Amino acid sequence: MIDVRTVMASRYVTPLREGGSLPAIIEADDDGLYVLKFRGAGQGSKALIAELLAGEIARLAGLPVPEIVFVELPADLARTEPDQEISDLIARSVGLNIALDYLPGSVTFEPLVYVPDPALASAIVWFDAFVCNVDRTARNVNMLIWHRRLWLIDHGAALYFHHAWKQGEEFAKHPFGLIKDHALLKYASALAQVDREMKALLNADQLAALVEWIPDSWLTEDSGFSGKGAQRAAYLNFFQARILSSDIFVQEAIRARAAYV
């Protein structure tokens, strides 16, 4: 069952300037620290939708993802921030945002230090092809090592087609050519087996429950849809069609991996 908590931001701690959308570490009213993604950043609310959907799909698939929470950002947080750029970003993002649990002491994934087993690597490659995640390359791995375990972060660039919705279900039947650049592809020797397992884990009821968690405030007006319900249905239709067409992107990944072996 999908369950995403909501917390209230109580303190802006520090920006993470290596992120293109200027995410930040914040403290919330549950005394936890989180990496906040701002609705008012350049990618807008669709990046938050991608973070929510892709991250929770990864969790449904049994992959290691930090807890995802909704974060209410109060207006007075902007007034106490001396950096004008950050203050403006907070002001544009007042209301509901998204964040991941902060993993203190974590380090960026480095294959010379940590080599994932074939089953985990294959599952991550399958997942990233499923959600069309363009950000898991050697240049930008978006994986951390924490307590000797691999963790997946930053899925705001996934589902990139939703920035210009056009025949989403048809797009679902396409291969994902960018998988050739995936940081874990050479370790993913169990893709065919993982394909069967993933399709069993991601059932229609769970995916339907997940898209209902998209906040209304994140679904902007789109002339291609009759309403917000239709937008949620478009995401669900994409996921269902993507599962039925998984052999297309799995075979693409297997062909791309052949260059490494």
Protein backbone atom coordinates (compact mmCIF):
# COMPACT_ATOMS: atom_id res chain seq x y z
CA MET A 1 0.00 0.00 0.00
CA ILE A 2 1.39 3.41 -0.97
CA ASP A 3 1.75 5.73 2.03
CA VAL A 4 3.61 9.03 1.81
CA ARG A 5 3.91 11.11 4.97
CA THR A 6 3.60 14.90 5.05
CA VAL A 7 5.93 16.98 7.22
CA MET A 8 6.29 20.73 7.80
CA ALA A 9 9.63 22.41 7.05
CA SER A 10 10.87 24.18 10.16
CA ARG A 11 14.41 25.24 9.21
CA TYR A 12 16.41 25.75 6.03
CA VAL A 13 19.80 24.17 6.77
CA THR A 14 22.01 24.42 3.69
CA PRO A 15 21.78 24.39 -0.11
CA LEU A 16 23.16 21.50 -2.16
CA ARG A 17 24.57 23.54 -5.00
CA GLU A 18 25.73 20.54 -7.02
CA GLY A 19 22.09 19.97 -8.00
CA GLY A 20 20.81 21.84 -11.03
CA SER A 21 17.53 22.73 -9.27
CA LEU A 22 19.28 23.94 -6.09
CA PRO A 23 17.88 21.33 -3.67
CA ALA A 24 18.54 21.88 0.01
CA ILE A 25 18.83 20.10 3.32
CA ILE A 26 15.97 21.15 5.57
CA GLU A 27 14.80 20.21 9.04
CA ALA A 28 11.16 19.29 9.52
CA ASP A 29 8.74 19.30 12.43
CA ASP A 30 9.43 15.61 13.07
CA ASP A 31 13.09 16.56 13.81
CA GLY A 32 14.22 14.74 10.69
CA LEU A 33 16.58 16.07 8.03
CA TYR A 34 15.50 15.84 4.39
CA VAL A 35 16.81 16.76 0.95
CA LEU A 36 14.09 19.06 -0.37
CA LYS A 37 13.22 19.47 -4.06
CA PHE A 38 11.51 22.81 -4.69
CA ARG A 39 8.35 23.17 -6.75
CA GLY A 40 9.52 26.65 -7.74
CA ALA A 41 12.78 25.43 -9.30
CA GLY A 42 13.30 25.60 -13.05
CA GLN A 43 11.90 22.14 -13.83
CA GLY A 44 8.64 22.95 -12.07
CA SER A 45 6.14 20.59 -10.51
CA LYS A 46 6.58 17.86 -13.13
CA ALA A 47 10.04 17.15 -11.76
CA LEU A 48 8.36 16.58 -8.38
CA ILE A 49 5.81 14.26 -9.97
CA ALA A 50 8.64 12.26 -11.54
CA GLU A 51 10.43 12.12 -8.19
CA LEU A 52 7.30 10.81 -6.49
CA LEU A 53 6.23 8.29 -9.13
CA ALA A 54 9.64 6.93 -10.04
CA GLY A 55 10.83 6.79 -6.45
CA GLU A 56 7.78 4.95 -5.19
CA ILE A 57 7.82 2.57 -8.17
CA ALA A 58 11.41 1.74 -7.23
CA ARG A 59 10.24 1.03 -3.70
CA LEU A 60 7.41 -1.21 -4.95
CA ALA A 61 10.05 -3.08 -6.97
CA GLY A 62 12.10 -3.68 -3.83
CA LEU A 63 14.87 -1.25 -4.71
CA PRO A 64 16.67 0.82 -2.05
CA VAL A 65 15.26 4.37 -2.05
CA PRO A 66 15.34 6.82 0.90
CA GLU A 67 11.93 7.59 2.35
CA ILE A 68 10.01 10.10 0.24
CA VAL A 69 7.87 12.68 2.04
CA PHE A 70 5.66 15.59 1.09
CA VAL A 71 6.93 18.82 2.65
CA GLU A 72 4.80 21.84 3.44
CA LEU A 73 6.96 24.92 3.01
CA PRO A 74 5.75 27.93 5.05
CA ALA A 75 6.11 31.46 3.68
CA ASP A 76 7.98 32.73 6.76
CA LEU A 77 10.94 30.49 5.89
CA ALA A 78 11.72 32.83 2.98
CA ARG A 79 11.70 35.90 5.19
CA THR A 80 14.44 34.50 7.45
CA GLU A 81 16.79 33.48 4.62
CA PRO A 82 19.48 36.13 3.91
CA ASP A 83 20.52 34.74 0.49
CA GLN A 84 18.20 36.46 -2.01
CA GLU A 85 18.36 33.63 -4.58
CA ILE A 86 17.37 31.07 -1.98
CA SER A 87 14.74 33.35 -0.46
CA ASP A 88 13.14 33.83 -3.87
CA LEU A 89 13.18 30.08 -4.52
CA ILE A 90 11.46 29.39 -1.19
CA ALA A 91 8.87 32.09 -1.89
CA ARG A 92 8.06 30.54 -5.29
CA SER A 93 7.71 27.12 -3.63
CA VAL A 94 5.44 27.93 -0.67
CA GLY A 95 3.04 25.03 -0.21
CA LEU A 96 3.57 21.38 -1.01
CA ASN A 97 6.97 20.12 -2.14
CA ILE A 98 8.81 16.80 -2.01
CA ALA A 99 11.88 15.55 -0.18
CA LEU A 100 13.98 12.46 0.42
CA ASP A 101 15.32 11.32 3.76
CA TYR A 102 18.82 12.74 4.22
CA LEU A 103 21.49 10.03 4.50
CA PRO A 104 24.26 11.57 6.66
CA GLY A 105 27.76 10.40 5.84
CA SER A 106 26.77 8.83 2.53
CA VAL A 107 29.21 8.93 -0.40
CA THR A 108 28.71 8.87 -4.16
CA PHE A 109 28.68 5.41 -5.73
CA GLU A 110 32.08 4.43 -7.11
CA PRO A 111 32.36 1.06 -8.92
CA LEU A 112 36.03 0.70 -7.92
CA VAL A 113 34.87 0.63 -4.30
CA TYR A 114 31.45 -1.05 -4.49
CA VAL A 115 30.41 -3.55 -7.16
CA PRO A 116 26.68 -4.38 -7.13
CA ASP A 117 25.62 -7.98 -7.59
CA PRO A 118 24.11 -8.87 -10.99
CA ALA A 119 20.54 -9.17 -9.68
CA LEU A 120 20.54 -5.69 -8.10
CA ALA A 121 22.31 -4.09 -11.06
CA SER A 122 19.83 -5.71 -13.47
CA ALA A 123 16.85 -4.58 -11.40
CA ILE A 124 18.11 -0.98 -11.37
CA VAL A 125 18.77 -1.00 -15.13
CA TRP A 126 15.28 -2.44 -15.74
CA PHE A 127 13.69 0.18 -13.49
CA ASP A 128 15.51 3.09 -15.12
CA ALA A 129 14.50 1.88 -18.59
CA PHE A 130 10.92 1.46 -17.36
CA VAL A 131 10.65 5.04 -16.10
CA CYS A 132 12.90 6.49 -18.85
CA ASN A 133 15.41 7.87 -16.36
CA VAL A 134 18.15 9.75 -18.19
CA ASP A 135 20.20 10.39 -15.03
CA ARG A 136 22.11 7.27 -14.02
CA THR A 137 25.26 7.65 -16.07
CA ALA A 138 28.95 7.76 -15.16
CA ARG A 139 28.68 11.55 -15.40
CA ASN A 140 25.77 11.72 -12.97
CA VAL A 141 25.26 8.39 -11.20
CA ASN A 142 22.59 9.52 -8.70
CA MET A 143 23.47 6.63 -6.41
CA LEU A 144 24.88 6.78 -2.89
CA ILE A 145 26.61 4.27 -0.64
CA TRP A 146 25.31 4.46 2.90
CA HIS A 147 25.91 1.85 5.60
CA ARG A 148 27.57 -0.33 2.92
CA ARG A 149 24.40 -0.37 0.87
CA LEU A 150 23.53 1.18 -2.48
CA TRP A 151 20.74 3.81 -2.51
CA LEU A 152 18.96 5.38 -5.48
CA ILE A 153 18.28 9.13 -5.44
CA ASP A 154 17.15 11.96 -7.73
CA HIS A 155 14.48 10.80 -10.19
CA GLY A 156 13.22 14.22 -11.24
CA ALA A 157 14.53 13.73 -14.79
CA ALA A 158 12.57 10.49 -15.29
CA LEU A 159 9.30 10.37 -17.28
CA TYR A 160 10.67 13.25 -19.37
CA PHE A 161 7.97 12.82 -22.02
CA HIS A 162 5.41 14.40 -19.65
CA HIS A 163 6.93 17.82 -20.24
CA ALA A 164 5.23 17.65 -23.65
CA TRP A 165 2.55 14.97 -23.50
CA LYS A 166 2.11 13.32 -26.89
CA GLN A 167 0.65 9.86 -27.23
CA GLY A 168 2.01 8.64 -23.91
CA GLU A 169 0.84 5.09 -24.47
CA GLU A 170 2.63 4.97 -27.83
CA PHE A 171 5.80 6.31 -26.19
CA ALA A 172 5.51 3.46 -23.69
CA LYS A 173 6.15 1.00 -26.49
CA HIS A 174 9.47 2.59 -27.45
CA PRO A 175 12.88 1.23 -26.44
CA PHE A 176 15.07 3.40 -24.23
CA GLY A 177 18.21 3.98 -26.28
CA LEU A 178 19.93 6.00 -23.54
CA ILE A 179 20.24 2.81 -21.49
CA LYS A 180 23.55 2.25 -23.29
CA ASP A 181 25.04 4.95 -21.02
CA HIS A 182 23.76 3.46 -17.75
CA ALA A 183 26.40 3.31 -15.02
CA LEU A 184 25.42 -0.26 -14.04
CA LEU A 185 24.71 -1.78 -17.44
CA LYS A 186 27.90 -3.84 -17.61
CA TYR A 187 26.98 -5.55 -14.32
CA ALA A 188 23.38 -6.27 -15.39
CA SER A 189 23.69 -9.88 -16.52
CA ALA A 190 20.26 -11.01 -15.23
CA LEU A 191 17.93 -8.72 -17.20
CA ALA A 192 15.68 -11.45 -18.61
CA GLN A 193 15.09 -12.97 -15.17
CA VAL A 194 14.57 -9.57 -13.55
CA ASP A 195 12.00 -8.67 -16.23
CA ARG A 196 9.75 -11.51 -15.07
CA GLU A 197 10.18 -10.56 -11.41
CA MET A 198 9.50 -6.86 -11.93
CA LYS A 199 6.32 -7.45 -13.90
CA ALA A 200 5.05 -9.58 -11.04
CA LEU A 201 5.86 -6.90 -8.45
CA LEU A 202 4.31 -3.91 -10.24
CA ASN A 203 0.65 -4.79 -10.37
CA ALA A 204 -2.12 -2.55 -11.69
CA ASP A 205 -3.74 -1.89 -8.30
CA GLN A 206 -0.49 -0.62 -6.77
CA LEU A 207 0.23 1.63 -9.73
CA ALA A 208 -3.32 2.97 -9.67
CA ALA A 209 -2.95 3.80 -5.97
CA LEU A 210 0.36 5.51 -6.64
CA VAL A 211 -0.88 7.95 -9.30
CA GLU A 212 -3.67 9.01 -6.94
CA TRP A 213 -0.99 10.40 -4.64
CA ILE A 214 -0.05 13.10 -7.16
CA PRO A 215 -1.17 16.35 -5.46
CA ASP A 216 -3.70 18.45 -7.36
CA SER A 217 -1.45 21.49 -6.97
CA TRP A 218 1.28 19.76 -9.00
CA LEU A 219 -1.00 19.01 -11.96
CA THR A 220 -0.91 22.17 -14.03
CA GLU A 221 -3.53 23.00 -16.62
CA ASP A 222 -2.94 21.13 -19.88
CA SER A 223 -5.11 21.62 -22.94
CA GLY A 224 -4.52 18.02 -23.93
CA PHE A 225 -6.48 16.73 -20.93
CA SER A 226 -10.05 17.21 -19.76
CA GLY A 227 -8.94 17.57 -16.15
CA LYS A 228 -6.57 16.43 -13.43
CA GLY A 229 -8.13 12.99 -13.29
CA ALA A 230 -7.31 12.55 -16.96
CA GLN A 231 -3.70 13.48 -16.28
CA ARG A 232 -3.43 10.87 -13.54
CA ALA A 233 -5.02 8.32 -15.88
CA ALA A 234 -2.40 9.15 -18.52
CA TYR A 235 0.40 8.24 -16.13
CA LEU A 236 -1.33 4.99 -15.20
CA ASN A 237 -1.95 4.13 -18.84
CA PHE A 238 1.72 4.74 -19.59
CA PHE A 239 2.87 2.43 -16.80
CA GLN A 240 0.48 -0.34 -17.78
CA ALA A 241 1.49 -0.12 -21.44
CA ARG A 242 5.16 0.02 -20.45
CA ILE A 243 4.88 -3.23 -18.50
CA LEU A 244 3.15 -4.97 -21.41
CA SER A 245 5.93 -3.76 -23.71
CA SER A 246 8.84 -4.45 -21.35
CA ASP A 247 10.46 -6.91 -23.73
CA ILE A 248 11.19 -3.99 -26.08
CA PHE A 249 13.31 -2.04 -23.61
CA VAL A 250 14.79 -5.17 -22.02
CA GLN A 251 16.07 -6.42 -25.38
CA GLU A 252 17.46 -2.95 -26.09
CA ALA A 253 19.38 -3.10 -22.80
CA ILE A 254 20.66 -6.61 -23.54
CA ARG A 255 21.90 -5.50 -26.96
CA ALA A 256 23.59 -2.42 -25.45
CA ARG A 257 25.24 -4.54 -22.76
CA ALA A 258 26.80 -6.77 -25.42
CA ALA A 259 29.29 -3.97 -26.04
CA TYR A 260 30.72 -4.56 -22.55
CA VAL A 261 31.11 -8.36 -22.67
